Amino acid sequence: MNKIFHYFNIFIIFCLILFSIINLNLYFNPIDQLSYYLYIIVFIYLITLILSKKFIYIPFFIFLFLLASFKFYNNNSDEDINYNLNKNILKTVTFNLNLNNNNFDSIYFFKKDLYKDIYCFQEVSNVNYKKIKNKLKQYFYSHKIDEVHKWSSLIFSKYKLIDTKIYNNHTSSFIKINNFNILIICSHFNIFHSETFNLINSIIIKKDPKNILILGDFNSAPYSYHFKKFINLIDLKTYYNPLNPYNTWPSFLPNFLRIQIDNVLFKGNFKIMNISIGKNFKSDHLPLYVDLEY
């Protein structure tokens, strides 16, 4: 029995190593996305071992933490949040509404969170498009209603949108705040495919901006291999702190069981000022609010 137990633990170690280094090019990579849950389960298992006085497995317990720190470390994360009220602040929101969610309470959403500078919406039904448009009458917008489909990423901006381009599930546009120019890209993309990188990179190269802001549902957590590869190649920054996560999906779970697949990436003269998640508005995602100093 002890021999079986021993081999079982070796098998767990092997799985952890495999899950940390494997690179699967899947649309929804279960290794990248669900590794967080794996570590929670193994952590509970190890606590059980220790309480059962299986002290021989303490080195395994230490190994887990070292492996987890390697997996969840993101050297492109801007983890210093500054609350400097004397600076210029750009207030942004990204929210996947869920295409089948026609119960979106726009009155409550905008009552609580009206007058953000930039809104990026994904999976917007025609019903919800009209609700948003009605509430943001003074805002500039990227799509007319006949341009909206299930994969559209919509931008609503307090500032005029310049040179707007729609690329299926990506939308790019420039905004100008005084003399500060920003390329905004609102996206709902598959970060695991090279086509995603090629398109985003081509947009950036063509526009050649100094300041870039990419918001949206990336279907990938910041600690995933593909996510880190993507932001390293384009030299972007984001926010991620495994000890203080802002997890947005799935909305029906408590924060420590959700994962952060909605994100804001940036490059240029930006600094994170504040980040938070919103209430449940009947979508499988929660809205992500990010304030940036510029």
Protein backbone atom coordinates (compact mmCIF):
# COMPACT_ATOMS: atom_id res chain seq x y z
CA MET A 1 0.00 0.00 0.00
CA ASN A 2 2.83 2.38 0.92
CA LYS A 3 4.50 1.60 -2.39
CA ILE A 4 1.34 2.54 -4.30
CA PHE A 5 1.08 5.74 -2.26
CA HIS A 6 4.70 6.56 -3.04
CA TYR A 7 4.26 6.07 -6.77
CA PHE A 8 1.07 8.12 -6.68
CA ASN A 9 2.99 11.09 -5.29
CA ILE A 10 5.69 10.69 -7.93
CA PHE A 11 2.95 10.76 -10.53
CA ILE A 12 1.62 14.06 -9.08
CA ILE A 13 5.10 15.62 -9.24
CA PHE A 14 5.43 14.50 -12.85
CA CYS A 15 2.04 16.04 -13.70
CA LEU A 16 3.00 19.35 -12.09
CA ILE A 17 6.22 19.54 -14.08
CA LEU A 18 4.41 18.62 -17.28
CA PHE A 19 1.65 21.20 -16.67
CA SER A 20 4.24 23.91 -16.08
CA ILE A 21 6.29 23.41 -19.24
CA ILE A 22 3.87 22.04 -21.82
CA ASN A 23 2.86 24.30 -24.70
CA LEU A 24 -0.50 23.40 -26.22
CA ASN A 25 -1.85 25.42 -29.13
CA LEU A 26 -5.51 25.03 -28.23
CA TYR A 27 -8.26 27.65 -28.41
CA PHE A 28 -9.04 27.18 -24.73
CA ASN A 29 -5.88 25.70 -23.26
CA PRO A 30 -6.90 23.63 -20.20
CA ILE A 31 -3.33 23.50 -18.95
CA ASP A 32 -2.77 27.26 -19.05
CA GLN A 33 -6.26 28.18 -17.89
CA LEU A 34 -6.87 25.61 -15.20
CA SER A 35 -3.40 25.24 -13.70
CA TYR A 36 -4.52 27.61 -10.96
CA TYR A 37 -7.14 25.09 -9.86
CA LEU A 38 -4.57 22.31 -10.02
CA TYR A 39 -2.33 24.10 -7.53
CA ILE A 40 -5.22 24.69 -5.14
CA ILE A 41 -6.14 20.99 -5.22
CA VAL A 42 -2.54 19.86 -4.73
CA PHE A 43 -2.04 22.40 -1.95
CA ILE A 44 -5.04 20.96 -0.06
CA TYR A 45 -3.71 17.46 -0.71
CA LEU A 46 -0.32 18.38 0.75
CA ILE A 47 -1.87 19.92 3.84
CA THR A 48 -3.70 16.63 4.32
CA LEU A 49 -0.39 14.77 4.04
CA ILE A 50 1.24 16.98 6.65
CA LEU A 51 -1.69 16.63 9.04
CA SER A 52 -1.41 12.89 8.52
CA LYS A 53 2.25 13.19 9.61
CA LYS A 54 3.63 12.13 6.24
CA PHE A 55 6.65 14.36 6.83
CA ILE A 56 8.67 12.69 4.12
CA TYR A 57 6.65 14.74 1.61
CA ILE A 58 7.64 18.16 3.01
CA PRO A 59 10.33 18.54 0.27
CA PHE A 60 7.53 17.96 -2.22
CA PHE A 61 5.54 20.71 -0.49
CA ILE A 62 8.49 23.14 -0.92
CA PHE A 63 8.90 22.05 -4.53
CA LEU A 64 5.28 22.92 -5.21
CA PHE A 65 5.77 26.50 -4.06
CA LEU A 66 8.91 26.90 -6.15
CA LEU A 67 7.11 25.51 -9.17
CA ALA A 68 4.07 27.69 -8.56
CA SER A 69 6.19 30.81 -8.26
CA PHE A 70 7.80 29.98 -11.61
CA LYS A 71 4.42 29.36 -13.20
CA PHE A 72 2.68 32.46 -11.87
CA TYR A 73 5.56 34.93 -12.17
CA ASN A 74 5.11 37.55 -14.88
CA ASN A 75 8.06 39.92 -15.32
CA ASN A 76 5.96 42.26 -17.47
CA SER A 77 3.54 42.93 -14.65
CA ASP A 78 3.25 46.43 -13.25
CA GLU A 79 2.51 45.56 -9.64
CA ASP A 80 3.02 49.01 -8.14
CA ILE A 81 -0.31 50.79 -7.90
CA ASN A 82 -0.01 54.54 -7.34
CA TYR A 83 -2.78 56.75 -6.01
CA ASN A 84 -1.61 60.14 -7.23
CA LEU A 85 -4.60 62.42 -7.61
CA ASN A 86 -2.51 65.22 -9.08
CA LYS A 87 -1.86 63.34 -12.32
CA ASN A 88 -3.90 62.91 -15.49
CA ILE A 89 -6.03 59.79 -15.17
CA LEU A 90 -7.54 57.68 -17.95
CA LYS A 91 -10.42 55.57 -16.61
CA THR A 92 -11.09 52.39 -18.58
CA VAL A 93 -13.50 49.43 -18.47
CA THR A 94 -13.44 46.12 -20.30
CA PHE A 95 -16.47 43.86 -20.05
CA ASN A 96 -17.61 40.73 -21.88
CA LEU A 97 -21.38 41.03 -21.65
CA ASN A 98 -22.08 37.49 -22.91
CA LEU A 99 -23.97 37.38 -26.18
CA ASN A 100 -26.90 35.50 -24.64
CA ASN A 101 -27.29 37.91 -21.76
CA ASN A 102 -30.16 40.23 -22.63
CA ASN A 103 -30.81 40.88 -18.93
CA PHE A 104 -27.88 43.29 -18.67
CA ASP A 105 -28.97 46.02 -16.25
CA SER A 106 -27.56 49.06 -18.02
CA ILE A 107 -29.32 51.45 -15.63
CA TYR A 108 -27.51 50.05 -12.59
CA PHE A 109 -24.22 49.53 -14.46
CA PHE A 110 -23.97 53.11 -15.65
CA LYS A 111 -25.50 54.58 -12.52
CA LYS A 112 -22.62 53.15 -10.55
CA ASP A 113 -19.89 53.52 -13.14
CA LEU A 114 -20.85 56.27 -15.54
CA TYR A 115 -18.31 58.67 -17.05
CA LYS A 116 -15.40 56.33 -17.55
CA ASP A 117 -13.22 57.55 -20.38
CA ILE A 118 -12.99 54.33 -22.40
CA TYR A 119 -15.38 51.38 -22.52
CA CYS A 120 -14.45 48.17 -24.31
CA PHE A 121 -17.33 45.70 -24.69
CA GLN A 122 -17.28 42.17 -26.11
CA GLU A 123 -20.15 39.84 -27.07
CA VAL A 124 -22.70 42.62 -27.36
CA SER A 125 -26.17 41.63 -28.54
CA ASN A 126 -28.31 44.09 -30.49
CA VAL A 127 -30.49 44.51 -27.41
CA ASN A 128 -27.52 45.42 -25.25
CA TYR A 129 -26.01 47.63 -27.94
CA LYS A 130 -29.15 49.78 -27.84
CA LYS A 131 -29.05 49.89 -24.03
CA ILE A 132 -25.42 51.05 -24.03
CA LYS A 133 -25.94 53.53 -26.84
CA ASN A 134 -28.88 55.01 -25.01
CA LYS A 135 -26.82 55.52 -21.86
CA LEU A 136 -23.70 56.85 -23.61
CA LYS A 137 -25.37 59.32 -25.94
CA GLN A 138 -22.52 61.83 -25.71
CA TYR A 139 -19.80 59.24 -26.36
CA PHE A 140 -18.04 58.42 -29.62
CA TYR A 141 -18.46 54.80 -30.72
CA SER A 142 -16.72 52.40 -33.07
CA HIS A 143 -19.66 50.41 -34.46
CA LYS A 144 -23.04 51.14 -35.94
CA ILE A 145 -25.68 48.56 -35.06
CA ASP A 146 -25.50 46.87 -38.46
CA GLU A 147 -21.73 46.38 -37.97
CA VAL A 148 -22.15 44.45 -34.72
CA HIS A 149 -21.86 40.64 -34.74
CA LYS A 150 -21.21 38.07 -32.04
CA TRP A 151 -17.42 38.53 -32.02
CA SER A 152 -17.39 42.32 -32.28
CA SER A 153 -15.31 44.34 -29.82
CA LEU A 154 -16.91 47.74 -29.32
CA ILE A 155 -15.24 50.95 -28.19
CA PHE A 156 -17.18 53.77 -26.56
CA SER A 157 -15.01 56.79 -25.82
CA LYS A 158 -15.44 60.15 -24.18
CA TYR A 159 -12.81 61.37 -26.66
CA LYS A 160 -13.18 61.46 -30.41
CA LEU A 161 -12.23 58.20 -32.14
CA ILE A 162 -9.78 58.76 -35.00
CA ASP A 163 -9.02 56.34 -37.86
CA THR A 164 -11.18 53.51 -36.49
CA LYS A 165 -10.58 50.07 -38.04
CA ILE A 166 -12.72 46.97 -37.44
CA TYR A 167 -11.01 43.58 -37.75
CA ASN A 168 -13.67 40.98 -36.96
CA ASN A 169 -13.02 40.49 -33.21
CA HIS A 170 -10.57 43.42 -32.86
CA THR A 171 -11.20 47.14 -33.14
CA SER A 172 -8.49 49.79 -33.22
CA SER A 173 -8.75 53.55 -32.98
CA PHE A 174 -6.73 56.57 -31.92
CA ILE A 175 -7.79 59.05 -29.30
CA LYS A 176 -6.11 62.36 -28.56
CA ILE A 177 -6.19 63.99 -25.12
CA ASN A 178 -4.62 67.40 -25.48
CA ASN A 179 -1.26 66.44 -27.04
CA PHE A 180 -1.29 62.86 -25.74
CA ASN A 181 -2.06 60.32 -28.49
CA ILE A 182 -3.15 56.77 -27.65
CA LEU A 183 -3.78 53.76 -29.85
CA ILE A 184 -6.75 51.88 -28.38
CA ILE A 185 -7.26 48.24 -29.34
CA CYS A 186 -10.39 46.55 -28.01
CA SER A 187 -10.21 42.78 -28.47
CA HIS A 188 -11.80 39.42 -27.87
CA PHE A 189 -9.09 37.13 -29.08
CA ASN A 190 -7.43 33.77 -29.15
CA ILE A 191 -4.02 34.44 -27.66
CA PHE A 192 -2.84 30.91 -28.46
CA HIS A 193 -2.74 31.34 -32.23
CA SER A 194 0.07 33.05 -34.12
CA GLU A 195 -2.57 34.84 -36.22
CA THR A 196 -3.54 36.85 -33.13
CA PHE A 197 -0.01 38.08 -32.56
CA ASN A 198 0.52 38.76 -36.27
CA LEU A 199 -2.63 40.88 -36.56
CA ILE A 200 -2.11 42.88 -33.35
CA ASN A 201 1.55 43.38 -34.19
CA SER A 202 0.73 44.52 -37.73
CA ILE A 203 -1.76 47.06 -36.39
CA ILE A 204 0.88 48.43 -34.02
CA ILE A 205 3.61 48.52 -36.68
CA LYS A 206 1.34 50.25 -39.17
CA LYS A 207 0.20 52.88 -36.65
CA ASP A 208 3.62 53.21 -34.97
CA PRO A 209 2.20 54.70 -31.74
CA LYS A 210 4.17 55.71 -28.67
CA ASN A 211 1.28 54.89 -26.34
CA ILE A 212 -0.76 51.70 -26.68
CA LEU A 213 -3.73 50.43 -24.71
CA ILE A 214 -5.16 46.95 -25.41
CA LEU A 215 -8.29 45.96 -23.50
CA GLY A 216 -10.48 42.91 -23.68
CA ASP A 217 -11.21 39.26 -23.11
CA PHE A 218 -8.00 37.40 -23.95
CA ASN A 219 -9.15 33.88 -23.01
CA SER A 220 -5.89 33.51 -21.12
CA ALA A 221 -4.58 34.24 -17.65
CA PRO A 222 -1.48 36.47 -17.18
CA TYR A 223 0.55 33.55 -15.84
CA SER A 224 -0.03 31.36 -18.91
CA TYR A 225 2.83 30.59 -21.25
CA HIS A 226 1.02 32.05 -24.25
CA PHE A 227 0.05 35.26 -22.47
CA LYS A 228 3.60 35.93 -21.30
CA LYS A 229 4.99 35.14 -24.74
CA PHE A 230 2.49 37.52 -26.37
CA ILE A 231 3.26 40.53 -24.16
CA ASN A 232 7.02 39.90 -24.27
CA LEU A 233 7.07 39.86 -28.07
CA ILE A 234 5.22 43.17 -28.31
CA ASP A 235 6.87 44.58 -25.15
CA LEU A 236 3.64 45.32 -23.28
CA LYS A 237 2.91 45.72 -19.58
CA THR A 238 -0.08 44.50 -17.58
CA TYR A 239 -1.15 44.09 -13.98
CA TYR A 240 -0.98 40.75 -12.21
CA ASN A 241 -0.30 39.89 -8.60
CA PRO A 242 -1.04 36.26 -7.60
CA LEU A 243 -1.45 37.36 -3.99
CA ASN A 244 -3.98 40.03 -4.93
CA PRO A 245 -5.70 38.85 -8.12
CA TYR A 246 -8.58 40.56 -9.90
CA ASN A 247 -10.26 37.49 -11.28
CA THR A 248 -13.15 38.00 -13.68
CA TRP A 249 -14.25 34.55 -14.90
CA PRO A 250 -16.44 32.63 -14.28
CA SER A 251 -18.54 35.20 -12.45
CA PHE A 252 -20.56 32.73 -10.37
CA LEU A 253 -17.50 31.52 -8.43
CA PRO A 254 -15.80 33.33 -5.51
CA ASN A 255 -12.74 35.41 -6.38
CA PHE A 256 -10.15 32.82 -5.29
CA LEU A 257 -11.65 30.26 -7.68
CA ARG A 258 -12.00 32.59 -10.67
CA ILE A 259 -9.21 33.39 -13.14
CA GLN A 260 -8.15 36.70 -14.70
CA ILE A 261 -8.84 36.31 -18.43
CA ASP A 262 -10.03 39.91 -18.92
CA ASN A 263 -7.06 42.23 -18.95
CA VAL A 264 -5.64 45.61 -19.86
CA LEU A 265 -2.23 45.76 -21.57
CA PHE A 266 -0.31 48.98 -22.11
CA LYS A 267 2.88 50.47 -23.45
CA GLY A 268 4.29 53.97 -23.29
CA ASN A 269 3.69 56.71 -20.78
CA PHE A 270 1.24 54.83 -18.54
CA LYS A 271 1.21 53.76 -14.92
CA ILE A 272 -1.44 51.74 -13.09
CA MET A 273 -3.34 53.93 -10.62
CA ASN A 274 -6.20 51.69 -9.60
CA ILE A 275 -7.74 48.35 -10.56
CA SER A 276 -10.98 46.70 -9.47
CA ILE A 277 -13.68 44.30 -10.58
CA GLY A 278 -17.39 45.07 -10.75
CA LYS A 279 -20.58 43.33 -9.74
CA ASN A 280 -22.24 40.45 -11.53
CA PHE A 281 -24.40 41.78 -14.37
CA LYS A 282 -25.76 38.37 -15.47
CA SER A 283 -22.71 37.64 -17.65
CA ASP A 284 -20.21 34.82 -17.14
CA HIS A 285 -17.58 37.61 -16.85
CA LEU A 286 -17.21 40.45 -14.38
CA PRO A 287 -16.28 43.93 -15.61
CA LEU A 288 -12.66 44.98 -15.05
CA TYR A 289 -11.95 48.64 -14.20
CA VAL A 290 -8.44 50.01 -14.66
CA ASP A 291 -7.36 53.62 -14.06
CA LEU A 292 -4.11 54.65 -15.70
CA GLU A 293 -1.92 57.64 -15.04
CA TYR A 294 -0.57 59.26 -18.21
